[in-house]
Amino acid sequence: MLVIRPVRHDDLDGLCRLAEIAGAGFTSLPRDKKILAENIEKAVSTFSRNQMNPNDYFLLVMEDDNKIVGTSAAYSRTGSREAFYAYRLMSVTHYSHSLSKETRSSLLHLTNDYTDCSEVGTLFLDPEYRGNGHWLSKCRYMLMAQNLNRFAPDVIAELRGWMNEHHESPVWNAIGAHFFNMSFDEADRLSGTGSNQFITELMPKYPIYTNLLPQDAREALGKPNAAGVRAMELLLEEGFEYEGLVDIFDGGPMVRGRIQQLRSVRSARKGVAVISDAISDNRSAEKSSAEKNKKVMIANQSLKEFRLVFQLAECRGNEILLSKESAEKLGTKSGDQIMVMG
């Protein structure tokens, strides 16, 4: 059975394996064992404390029989230590009275608009486990629903930008490559370590007319990587909105939503666990007359020992009937408070 839980120190090799599969451009899952170990330590400390800290980093892993097959994370605050940069796409209109002619174009304007928002990210699933990405994504909202005091009112998400058939970023080639004097992978690695001072020092401070960019770069602005199209769809379904902000390196889209208005957060409700032999975890389980058995996300009420499963359950008023296996994975017994999200 798949279970989602907080990352542990002994997950390092599993994270390294996923980072290799994810490849370049996945800033929050770098192919650097030292950085990953530091991220794990930061997450372990986050789950161990009870009060909000602007550096909170909630890193979750999906586990299948002791094998780490996916990651998902939430950050308490962006820009808590260093500025959080993005490009805002802005429309500009010029009109010539002498020629009676109007021209329209777009500007890339460097901004810190999303500083001090919470963020969801680090969403990656082993390709062999396709079909489980939707609840690997939603598990972060369950965590938020249980711990709203640890997060900001607004939450954002960044998606990797479009790469061409040569695995190159047209946006980087058109802009960043001319100012940083390094490869995209090197800039991405430096940013992934949490050291972005070089962005402040080297990035152009003035707006950039997109008309001056090559066509492939213009078309890539705000366009997610092919592997991130479904992730973008899931975010929009949750209630996130694209507001014209893009990543300064690869032009990937950024989206923002109000945390308490997100679809999953609004649907979360508490209940009392009841362990029942009538609930089976296989797909052929019989349907109850009270409410049809359906797969829902179920989490215990612990932060440090947070556990979440996606299993068949039956809801009868305030009671949530669980299978013995689900209860065991959650560390839950009959009578315990749990949270369900359908």
Protein backbone atom coordinates (compact mmCIF):
# COMPACT_ATOMS: atom_id res chain seq x y z
CA MET A 1 0.00 0.00 0.00
CA LEU A 2 1.22 3.48 -0.86
CA VAL A 3 1.58 5.91 2.03
CA ILE A 4 2.69 9.55 2.21
CA ARG A 5 4.74 10.69 5.20
CA PRO A 6 7.37 13.28 6.22
CA VAL A 7 10.85 12.69 4.84
CA ARG A 8 13.42 10.99 7.10
CA HIS A 9 17.22 11.02 7.14
CA ASP A 10 17.35 7.46 5.79
CA ASP A 11 15.45 8.56 2.66
CA LEU A 12 18.53 10.27 1.21
CA ASP A 13 19.42 7.54 -1.28
CA GLY A 14 15.80 7.36 -2.42
CA LEU A 15 15.71 11.11 -3.03
CA CYS A 16 18.98 10.93 -4.95
CA ARG A 17 17.46 8.27 -7.20
CA LEU A 18 14.41 10.44 -7.90
CA ALA A 19 16.61 13.49 -8.57
CA GLU A 20 18.52 11.54 -11.22
CA ILE A 21 15.25 10.53 -12.88
CA ALA A 22 13.92 14.12 -12.74
CA GLY A 23 17.03 15.47 -14.46
CA ALA A 24 18.14 19.06 -15.02
CA GLY A 25 15.79 21.96 -14.46
CA PHE A 26 14.14 20.58 -11.32
CA THR A 27 15.48 23.27 -8.97
CA SER A 28 13.90 21.95 -5.77
CA LEU A 29 15.14 18.38 -6.35
CA PRO A 30 18.80 18.97 -7.30
CA ARG A 31 21.18 16.19 -8.29
CA ASP A 32 23.42 17.03 -5.34
CA LYS A 33 23.56 14.62 -2.40
CA LYS A 34 24.88 17.26 -0.01
CA ILE A 35 22.08 19.70 -0.80
CA LEU A 36 19.46 16.96 -0.57
CA ALA A 37 20.81 15.96 2.85
CA GLU A 38 20.54 19.57 3.98
CA ASN A 39 16.97 19.74 2.69
CA ILE A 40 16.08 16.61 4.64
CA GLU A 41 17.54 18.08 7.82
CA LYS A 42 15.55 21.28 7.29
CA ALA A 43 12.33 19.30 6.77
CA VAL A 44 12.91 17.05 9.80
CA SER A 45 13.37 20.16 11.95
CA THR A 46 10.20 21.70 10.48
CA PHE A 47 8.02 18.71 11.33
CA SER A 48 9.52 18.57 14.83
CA ARG A 49 8.53 22.08 15.93
CA ASN A 50 5.06 23.28 16.87
CA GLN A 51 5.30 26.98 16.02
CA MET A 52 5.48 28.72 12.65
CA ASN A 53 8.90 29.63 11.32
CA PRO A 54 9.36 31.53 8.03
CA ASN A 55 11.88 28.89 6.97
CA ASP A 56 9.46 25.98 7.40
CA TYR A 57 9.92 23.36 4.69
CA PHE A 58 7.46 20.47 4.71
CA LEU A 59 8.94 17.76 2.48
CA LEU A 60 6.75 14.70 2.02
CA VAL A 61 7.57 11.41 0.32
CA MET A 62 5.41 8.70 -1.17
CA GLU A 63 6.55 5.27 -0.03
CA ASP A 64 5.81 1.84 -1.45
CA ASP A 65 7.12 -0.98 0.71
CA ASN A 66 10.15 1.07 1.90
CA LYS A 67 10.84 2.41 -1.60
CA ILE A 68 10.63 6.19 -2.13
CA VAL A 69 8.62 6.73 -5.32
CA GLY A 70 7.56 10.38 -5.14
CA THR A 71 8.02 13.74 -3.45
CA SER A 72 5.81 16.69 -2.67
CA ALA A 73 6.48 19.77 -0.55
CA ALA A 74 5.14 23.00 0.90
CA TYR A 75 7.14 26.06 1.95
CA SER A 76 5.92 28.40 4.67
CA ARG A 77 7.26 31.64 3.14
CA THR A 78 9.02 32.62 -0.08
CA GLY A 79 11.83 35.15 0.16
CA SER A 80 12.31 34.64 3.90
CA ARG A 81 16.09 34.85 3.54
CA GLU A 82 16.68 36.11 0.01
CA ALA A 83 14.55 38.00 -2.49
CA PHE A 84 12.11 35.95 -4.56
CA TYR A 85 12.37 37.05 -8.18
CA ALA A 86 10.06 36.58 -11.13
CA TYR A 87 9.26 38.27 -14.43
CA ARG A 88 5.83 39.81 -14.86
CA LEU A 89 4.51 39.88 -18.43
CA MET A 90 2.97 43.30 -18.98
CA SER A 91 1.17 44.59 -22.05
CA VAL A 92 2.12 47.98 -23.45
CA THR A 93 0.41 49.95 -26.23
CA HIS A 94 1.99 52.68 -28.35
CA TYR A 95 -0.05 55.00 -30.55
CA SER A 96 1.16 57.36 -33.26
CA HIS A 97 -1.23 60.25 -33.86
CA SER A 98 0.71 61.37 -36.92
CA LEU A 99 0.38 57.95 -38.54
CA SER A 100 -2.89 56.94 -36.88
CA LYS A 101 -1.22 53.70 -36.04
CA GLU A 102 -1.31 51.54 -32.91
CA THR A 103 1.25 48.89 -31.92
CA ARG A 104 1.08 46.47 -29.01
CA SER A 105 3.86 44.55 -27.35
CA SER A 106 4.78 42.92 -24.04
CA LEU A 107 7.37 43.70 -21.41
CA LEU A 108 9.18 41.43 -18.97
CA HIS A 109 9.41 43.36 -15.72
CA LEU A 110 11.54 42.03 -12.82
CA THR A 111 9.39 41.80 -9.69
CA ASN A 112 9.21 40.51 -6.11
CA ASP A 113 5.39 40.32 -6.12
CA TYR A 114 5.23 36.81 -4.67
CA THR A 115 7.55 37.39 -1.71
CA ASP A 116 6.05 36.18 1.61
CA CYS A 117 3.59 33.79 -0.02
CA SER A 118 3.53 30.11 0.88
CA GLU A 119 4.56 27.78 -1.93
CA VAL A 120 3.85 24.24 -3.05
CA GLY A 121 6.50 22.48 -5.10
CA THR A 122 8.94 19.57 -5.40
CA LEU A 123 6.19 17.49 -7.01
CA PHE A 124 7.78 14.49 -8.69
CA LEU A 125 6.60 10.93 -9.20
CA ASP A 126 8.56 7.92 -10.39
CA PRO A 127 7.24 7.27 -13.94
CA GLU A 128 6.53 3.66 -12.96
CA TYR A 129 3.84 4.95 -10.57
CA ARG A 130 1.90 7.12 -13.02
CA GLY A 131 -1.72 7.45 -12.01
CA ASN A 132 -0.93 8.52 -8.44
CA GLY A 133 0.18 12.07 -9.17
CA HIS A 134 -3.16 13.68 -8.33
CA TRP A 135 -3.09 12.63 -4.69
CA LEU A 136 0.65 13.18 -4.37
CA SER A 137 -0.21 16.76 -5.33
CA LYS A 138 -3.24 17.03 -3.03
CA CYS A 139 -1.45 15.72 0.06
CA ARG A 140 0.07 19.19 0.53
CA TYR A 141 -3.39 20.72 0.82
CA MET A 142 -4.34 18.18 3.46
CA LEU A 143 -1.25 19.23 5.43
CA MET A 144 -2.20 22.89 4.99
CA ALA A 145 -5.82 22.31 6.01
CA GLN A 146 -4.59 20.80 9.28
CA ASN A 147 -1.99 23.51 9.95
CA LEU A 148 -3.28 26.80 8.52
CA ASN A 149 -1.36 28.76 11.17
CA ARG A 150 1.91 27.59 9.58
CA PHE A 151 1.13 29.08 6.15
CA ALA A 152 0.47 32.46 4.52
CA PRO A 153 -2.96 33.47 3.16
CA ASP A 154 -1.66 33.23 -0.42
CA VAL A 155 0.06 30.17 -1.85
CA ILE A 156 1.95 29.97 -5.14
CA ALA A 157 3.41 27.28 -7.36
CA GLU A 158 6.15 27.35 -10.01
CA LEU A 159 6.34 25.00 -12.96
CA ARG A 160 9.35 24.11 -15.04
CA GLY A 161 9.47 26.00 -18.31
CA TRP A 162 9.34 24.65 -21.84
CA MET A 163 12.38 22.84 -23.22
CA ASN A 164 12.97 22.19 -26.91
CA GLU A 165 13.91 18.88 -28.53
CA HIS A 166 17.54 19.49 -27.59
CA HIS A 167 16.57 19.87 -23.89
CA GLU A 168 17.43 23.56 -24.02
CA SER A 169 15.38 26.44 -22.65
CA PRO A 170 14.60 29.00 -25.39
CA VAL A 171 13.98 31.65 -22.71
CA TRP A 172 17.36 31.03 -21.08
CA ASN A 173 19.11 31.11 -24.45
CA ALA A 174 17.43 34.41 -25.29
CA ILE A 175 17.96 36.21 -21.96
CA GLY A 176 19.85 34.56 -19.12
CA ALA A 177 22.69 33.19 -21.20
CA HIS A 178 23.67 36.74 -22.17
CA PHE A 179 23.91 38.04 -18.59
CA PHE A 180 25.08 35.18 -16.35
CA ASN A 181 27.97 33.82 -18.40
CA MET A 182 27.19 30.25 -17.33
CA SER A 183 25.12 27.33 -18.53
CA PHE A 184 21.46 26.90 -17.65
CA ASP A 185 22.32 23.83 -15.57
CA GLU A 186 24.88 25.77 -13.54
CA ALA A 187 22.51 28.69 -12.89
CA ASP A 188 19.76 26.24 -11.99
CA ARG A 189 22.10 24.38 -9.61
CA LEU A 190 23.16 27.59 -7.88
CA SER A 191 19.55 28.68 -7.48
CA GLY A 192 18.63 25.24 -6.13
CA THR A 193 21.17 25.57 -3.33
CA GLY A 194 19.27 28.58 -1.98
CA SER A 195 22.01 31.02 -2.97
CA ASN A 196 20.45 33.51 -5.39
CA GLN A 197 22.53 36.57 -4.61
CA PHE A 198 24.02 36.26 -8.09
CA ILE A 199 20.57 36.96 -9.56
CA THR A 200 20.46 40.36 -7.85
CA GLU A 201 23.98 41.12 -9.02
CA LEU A 202 23.77 40.00 -12.66
CA MET A 203 20.14 40.07 -13.81
CA PRO A 204 19.14 43.06 -16.01
CA LYS A 205 17.15 45.55 -13.93
CA TYR A 206 15.25 47.20 -16.77
CA PRO A 207 12.14 45.88 -18.56
CA ILE A 208 12.76 43.73 -21.63
CA TYR A 209 10.56 44.05 -24.73
CA THR A 210 9.55 40.56 -25.75
CA ASN A 211 9.45 41.73 -29.40
CA LEU A 212 13.25 41.62 -29.28
CA LEU A 213 13.30 37.93 -28.33
CA PRO A 214 13.40 35.06 -30.82
CA GLN A 215 10.02 33.58 -31.67
CA ASP A 216 10.68 30.30 -29.81
CA ALA A 217 11.45 32.25 -26.62
CA ARG A 218 8.30 34.36 -26.95
CA GLU A 219 6.20 31.24 -27.42
CA ALA A 220 7.81 29.54 -24.40
CA LEU A 221 6.97 32.34 -21.94
CA GLY A 222 4.38 31.02 -19.48
CA LYS A 223 4.40 27.57 -21.07
CA PRO A 224 5.07 24.58 -18.78
CA ASN A 225 7.44 21.77 -19.65
CA ALA A 226 5.75 18.86 -21.39
CA ALA A 227 6.07 16.79 -18.20
CA GLY A 228 4.40 19.57 -16.21
CA VAL A 229 1.25 20.06 -18.30
CA ARG A 230 -0.83 17.79 -16.07
CA ALA A 231 0.60 19.43 -12.93
CA MET A 232 -0.54 22.80 -14.30
CA GLU A 233 -4.02 21.40 -14.92
CA LEU A 234 -4.21 20.10 -11.35
CA LEU A 235 -3.23 23.49 -9.96
CA LEU A 236 -5.85 25.30 -12.03
CA GLU A 237 -8.47 22.75 -10.94
CA GLU A 238 -7.57 23.54 -7.32
CA GLY A 239 -8.31 27.23 -7.85
CA PHE A 240 -4.86 28.62 -8.64
CA GLU A 241 -4.71 31.36 -11.28
CA TYR A 242 -2.03 32.35 -13.76
CA GLU A 243 -1.37 36.08 -13.35
CA GLY A 244 1.33 36.58 -15.96
CA LEU A 245 4.34 35.83 -13.74
CA VAL A 246 7.07 33.57 -15.12
CA ASP A 247 10.36 32.15 -13.93
CA ILE A 248 13.37 34.34 -14.73
CA PHE A 249 15.47 31.42 -15.99
CA ASP A 250 13.21 29.25 -18.15
CA GLY A 251 9.99 31.29 -18.41
CA GLY A 252 7.90 28.63 -16.69
CA PRO A 253 4.50 29.80 -15.39
CA MET A 254 3.80 30.74 -11.76
CA VAL A 255 0.29 30.53 -10.33
CA ARG A 256 -1.30 31.85 -7.14
CA GLY A 257 -4.35 30.98 -5.05
CA ARG A 258 -5.95 31.91 -1.73
CA ILE A 259 -5.17 29.03 0.60
CA GLN A 260 -8.60 28.82 2.22
CA GLN A 261 -10.29 28.97 -1.20
CA LEU A 262 -8.40 26.03 -2.67
CA ARG A 263 -10.78 23.27 -3.63
CA SER A 264 -9.11 20.55 -1.56
CA VAL A 265 -8.67 22.71 1.53
CA ARG A 266 -12.38 23.60 1.45
CA SER A 267 -13.38 19.95 1.08
CA ALA A 268 -11.32 18.67 4.03
CA ARG A 269 -13.31 17.64 7.09
CA LYS A 270 -12.60 15.95 10.38
CA GLY A 271 -14.14 12.73 11.56
CA VAL A 272 -13.76 9.85 13.98
CA ALA A 273 -11.98 6.70 12.83
CA VAL A 274 -13.87 3.42 13.03
CA ILE A 275 -11.95 0.30 11.99
CA SER A 276 -14.29 -2.04 10.17
CA ASP A 277 -13.97 -5.47 8.59
CA ALA A 278 -16.67 -4.36 6.15
CA ILE A 279 -14.21 -2.06 4.38
CA SER A 280 -11.91 -3.72 1.89
CA ASP A 281 -8.98 -2.10 0.12
CA ASN A 282 -9.57 -3.88 -3.17
CA ARG A 283 -11.47 -2.37 -6.07
CA SER A 284 -14.25 -4.95 -5.94
CA ALA A 285 -15.42 -3.91 -2.48
CA GLU A 286 -19.19 -3.95 -2.11
CA LYS A 287 -20.99 -0.65 -1.87
CA SER A 288 -22.80 0.30 1.28
CA SER A 289 -26.37 1.56 1.38
CA ALA A 290 -25.42 4.46 3.65
CA GLU A 291 -22.87 5.97 1.27
CA LYS A 292 -21.03 4.30 -1.60
CA ASN A 293 -17.52 3.26 -0.74
CA LYS A 294 -15.11 5.48 -2.63
CA LYS A 295 -11.43 6.27 -2.58
CA VAL A 296 -10.63 9.32 -0.51
CA MET A 297 -7.54 10.82 1.08
CA ILE A 298 -7.33 10.08 4.78
CA ALA A 299 -4.76 11.54 7.18
CA ASN A 300 -4.07 11.25 10.86
CA GLN A 301 -3.95 14.38 13.03
CA SER A 302 -0.25 14.33 13.84
CA LEU A 303 2.28 16.74 12.34
CA LYS A 304 5.54 15.03 13.28
CA GLU A 305 4.12 11.59 12.44
CA PHE A 306 1.87 12.78 9.61
CA ARG A 307 0.56 9.89 7.52
CA LEU A 308 -1.80 9.89 4.56
CA VAL A 309 -3.34 7.13 2.49
CA PHE A 310 -5.65 7.10 -0.51
CA GLN A 311 -8.03 4.26 0.09
CA LEU A 312 -11.61 3.05 0.10
CA ALA A 313 -13.57 4.38 3.04
CA GLU A 314 -17.17 4.75 4.10
CA CYS A 315 -18.43 7.95 5.73
CA ARG A 316 -21.44 7.74 8.05
CA GLY A 317 -22.00 11.16 9.49
CA ASN A 318 -19.01 11.94 11.67
CA GLU A 319 -17.72 8.37 11.52
CA ILE A 320 -15.19 7.31 8.90
CA LEU A 321 -14.94 3.56 8.45
CA LEU A 322 -11.42 2.38 7.61
CA SER A 323 -9.90 -0.93 6.68
CA LYS A 324 -7.46 -2.47 9.14
CA GLU A 325 -4.59 -1.92 6.70
CA SER A 326 -5.38 1.78 6.25
CA ALA A 327 -5.63 2.27 10.01
CA GLU A 328 -2.31 0.52 10.52
CA LYS A 329 -0.57 2.73 7.96
CA LEU A 330 -2.03 5.84 9.58
CA GLY A 331 -1.10 4.72 13.08
CA THR A 332 -4.76 5.18 13.96
CA LYS A 333 -7.18 3.28 16.18
CA SER A 334 -10.97 3.45 16.50
CA GLY A 335 -12.02 6.67 18.19
CA ASP A 336 -9.09 8.75 16.96
CA GLN A 337 -9.63 12.03 15.15
CA ILE A 338 -8.72 11.87 11.45
CA MET A 339 -9.25 14.10 8.43
CA VAL A 340 -10.75 13.09 5.11
CA MET A 341 -10.58 14.83 1.75
CA GLY A 342 -12.62 13.54 -1.16
